[in-house]
Amino acid sequence: MASQEKLQTGTVVANKMDKTVVVRIDRHKRHRLYGKTIRVTRRYKAHDEKNECRLGDIVKIAETRPLSREKRWRVVEVVVKGDVAEVAPREIGAHILEETRAAAEAEAAARAAAEAAAAPAAEEAPAVEPDEASSAEAAAEASEEAES
């Protein structure tokens, strides 16, 4: 009697290992008490002899003898080639972070340049004579007394 080969279909979620891919298999089951449909996800390491699987591929895997401590499946065929972005989310975030930092540095440099330009102008301005300064202080004190 020939043994029936167990086949599953899933999506490749990782392919960074040599000749190994991680395949996610989703199945839906109903909660026995509440009847709500629940998605159950299993991740299997599968042997990919030719390293042909890419992220997002839908593959058919078959159960096989143990190939390593965690590998008990092998890739039979690539059913559909996946369409995944070439840029990883971390790279996108890093790019935005670099742009933000560059803009902040440019703004700080512009502010420093404006302050540096304003400093010599303040030194060249005529100094306030003591008589004018004392009259300005007296006017401020008078307005405070009037308010109270």
Protein backbone atom coordinates (compact mmCIF):
# COMPACT_ATOMS: atom_id res chain seq x y z
CA MET A 1 0.00 0.00 0.00
CA ALA A 2 1.51 3.35 -1.08
CA SER A 3 1.65 6.11 1.53
CA GLN A 4 -0.32 9.27 0.89
CA GLU A 5 1.99 12.32 0.73
CA LYS A 6 0.80 15.23 2.87
CA LEU A 7 0.71 18.45 0.80
CA GLN A 8 0.14 22.01 2.01
CA THR A 9 0.02 25.35 0.20
CA GLY A 10 1.42 28.48 1.82
CA THR A 11 3.27 31.76 1.38
CA VAL A 12 7.04 32.23 1.67
CA VAL A 13 7.70 34.72 4.48
CA ALA A 14 11.50 34.32 4.83
CA ASN A 15 14.25 33.08 2.52
CA LYS A 16 17.46 34.31 4.14
CA MET A 17 18.78 30.82 4.90
CA ASP A 18 20.65 28.72 2.36
CA LYS A 19 18.35 26.10 0.78
CA THR A 20 15.67 26.80 3.40
CA VAL A 21 12.52 28.90 3.31
CA VAL A 22 9.92 29.66 5.96
CA VAL A 23 6.40 29.03 4.69
CA ARG A 24 3.33 30.45 6.44
CA ILE A 25 0.21 28.33 6.19
CA ASP A 26 -3.08 29.93 7.22
CA ARG A 27 -6.20 27.98 7.98
CA HIS A 28 -9.52 29.07 9.38
CA LYS A 29 -11.37 27.25 12.12
CA ARG A 30 -14.46 28.04 14.11
CA HIS A 31 -14.36 28.58 17.85
CA ARG A 32 -16.19 25.63 19.39
CA LEU A 33 -18.19 27.71 21.90
CA TYR A 34 -18.66 31.11 20.27
CA GLY A 35 -18.64 30.08 16.62
CA LYS A 36 -16.34 32.92 15.56
CA THR A 37 -13.99 32.12 12.67
CA ILE A 38 -10.37 32.28 13.82
CA ARG A 39 -7.30 32.38 11.58
CA VAL A 40 -4.67 29.89 12.72
CA THR A 41 -1.18 30.43 11.30
CA ARG A 42 1.62 27.87 11.26
CA ARG A 43 5.16 28.50 10.06
CA TYR A 44 7.13 25.61 8.61
CA LYS A 45 10.77 25.50 7.53
CA ALA A 46 10.95 23.82 4.14
CA HIS A 47 13.89 22.60 2.07
CA ASP A 48 14.38 24.59 -1.16
CA GLU A 49 17.08 22.69 -3.05
CA LYS A 50 17.54 25.23 -5.87
CA ASN A 51 17.08 28.42 -3.79
CA GLU A 52 14.38 29.48 -6.25
CA CYS A 53 11.75 30.73 -3.79
CA ARG A 54 11.40 34.45 -3.14
CA LEU A 55 9.41 36.43 -0.57
CA GLY A 56 5.70 36.41 -1.30
CA ASP A 57 5.76 33.28 -3.48
CA ILE A 58 2.90 30.85 -3.02
CA VAL A 59 4.42 27.38 -2.82
CA LYS A 60 3.28 23.81 -2.39
CA ILE A 61 5.23 21.88 0.26
CA ALA A 62 5.25 18.18 1.05
CA GLU A 63 6.00 16.39 4.30
CA THR A 64 9.25 14.44 4.18
CA ARG A 65 11.80 12.72 6.42
CA PRO A 66 13.64 14.94 8.92
CA LEU A 67 16.27 16.96 7.04
CA SER A 68 17.49 18.91 10.09
CA ARG A 69 16.33 19.69 13.60
CA GLU A 70 13.38 21.81 12.39
CA LYS A 71 13.04 20.96 8.67
CA ARG A 72 10.42 18.29 7.93
CA TRP A 73 9.03 19.73 4.69
CA ARG A 74 10.35 20.25 1.16
CA VAL A 75 9.21 22.63 -1.58
CA VAL A 76 7.45 20.71 -4.36
CA GLU A 77 6.65 23.62 -6.67
CA VAL A 78 6.23 27.37 -6.84
CA VAL A 79 2.55 27.86 -7.64
CA VAL A 80 2.58 31.67 -8.05
CA LYS A 81 5.55 34.03 -8.09
CA GLY A 82 5.10 36.69 -5.41
CA ASP A 83 5.12 40.44 -5.92
CA VAL A 84 6.96 42.05 -3.01
CA ALA A 85 8.48 45.53 -2.76
CA GLU A 86 12.25 45.64 -3.26
CA VAL A 87 12.76 48.04 -0.36
CA ALA A 88 12.35 46.74 3.17
CA PRO A 89 10.30 48.82 5.64
CA ARG A 90 13.39 49.43 7.81
CA GLU A 91 15.16 50.95 4.81
CA ILE A 92 12.19 53.24 4.12
CA GLY A 93 12.18 54.41 7.74
CA ALA A 94 15.94 54.98 7.67
CA HIS A 95 15.61 57.13 4.53
CA ILE A 96 12.92 59.31 6.09
CA LEU A 97 14.94 59.60 9.29
CA GLU A 98 17.99 60.75 7.32
CA GLU A 99 15.92 63.39 5.49
CA THR A 100 14.48 64.66 8.77
CA ARG A 101 17.91 64.89 10.37
CA ALA A 102 19.36 66.68 7.33
CA ALA A 103 16.51 69.21 7.37
CA ALA A 104 16.98 69.83 11.11
CA GLU A 105 20.73 70.30 10.67
CA ALA A 106 20.19 72.72 7.76
CA GLU A 107 17.68 74.71 9.82
CA ALA A 108 20.09 74.87 12.77
CA ALA A 109 22.92 76.01 10.48
CA ALA A 110 20.70 78.73 8.97
CA ARG A 111 19.68 79.91 12.44
CA ALA A 112 23.33 80.02 13.57
CA ALA A 113 24.28 82.00 10.45
CA ALA A 114 21.46 84.49 11.09
CA GLU A 115 22.56 84.94 14.72
CA ALA A 116 26.18 85.40 13.63
CA ALA A 117 25.12 88.07 11.13
CA ALA A 118 23.00 89.84 13.76
CA ALA A 119 25.79 89.91 16.38
CA PRO A 120 28.13 92.32 14.49
CA ALA A 121 25.17 94.59 13.68
CA ALA A 122 24.35 94.87 17.39
CA GLU A 123 27.94 95.80 18.19
CA GLU A 124 27.91 98.56 15.55
CA ALA A 125 24.66 100.09 16.82
CA PRO A 126 25.09 103.28 18.87
CA ALA A 127 25.11 102.68 22.57
CA VAL A 128 22.23 104.06 24.62
CA GLU A 129 23.27 107.07 26.64
CA PRO A 130 22.83 106.78 30.43
CA ASP A 131 20.34 109.65 30.51
CA GLU A 132 18.06 107.92 27.99
CA ALA A 133 18.35 104.59 29.82
CA SER A 134 17.41 106.10 33.15
CA SER A 135 14.43 107.92 31.60
CA ALA A 136 13.22 104.64 30.05
CA GLU A 137 13.47 102.91 33.44
CA ALA A 138 11.59 105.75 35.10
CA ALA A 139 8.79 105.51 32.52
CA ALA A 140 8.49 101.75 33.15
CA GLU A 141 8.28 102.29 36.92
CA ALA A 142 5.64 104.98 36.46
CA SER A 143 3.47 102.70 34.33
CA GLU A 144 3.73 99.92 36.98
CA GLU A 145 2.63 102.35 39.71
CA ALA A 146 -0.29 103.52 37.59
CA GLU A 147 -1.50 99.94 37.13
CA SER A 148 -1.57 99.24 40.88
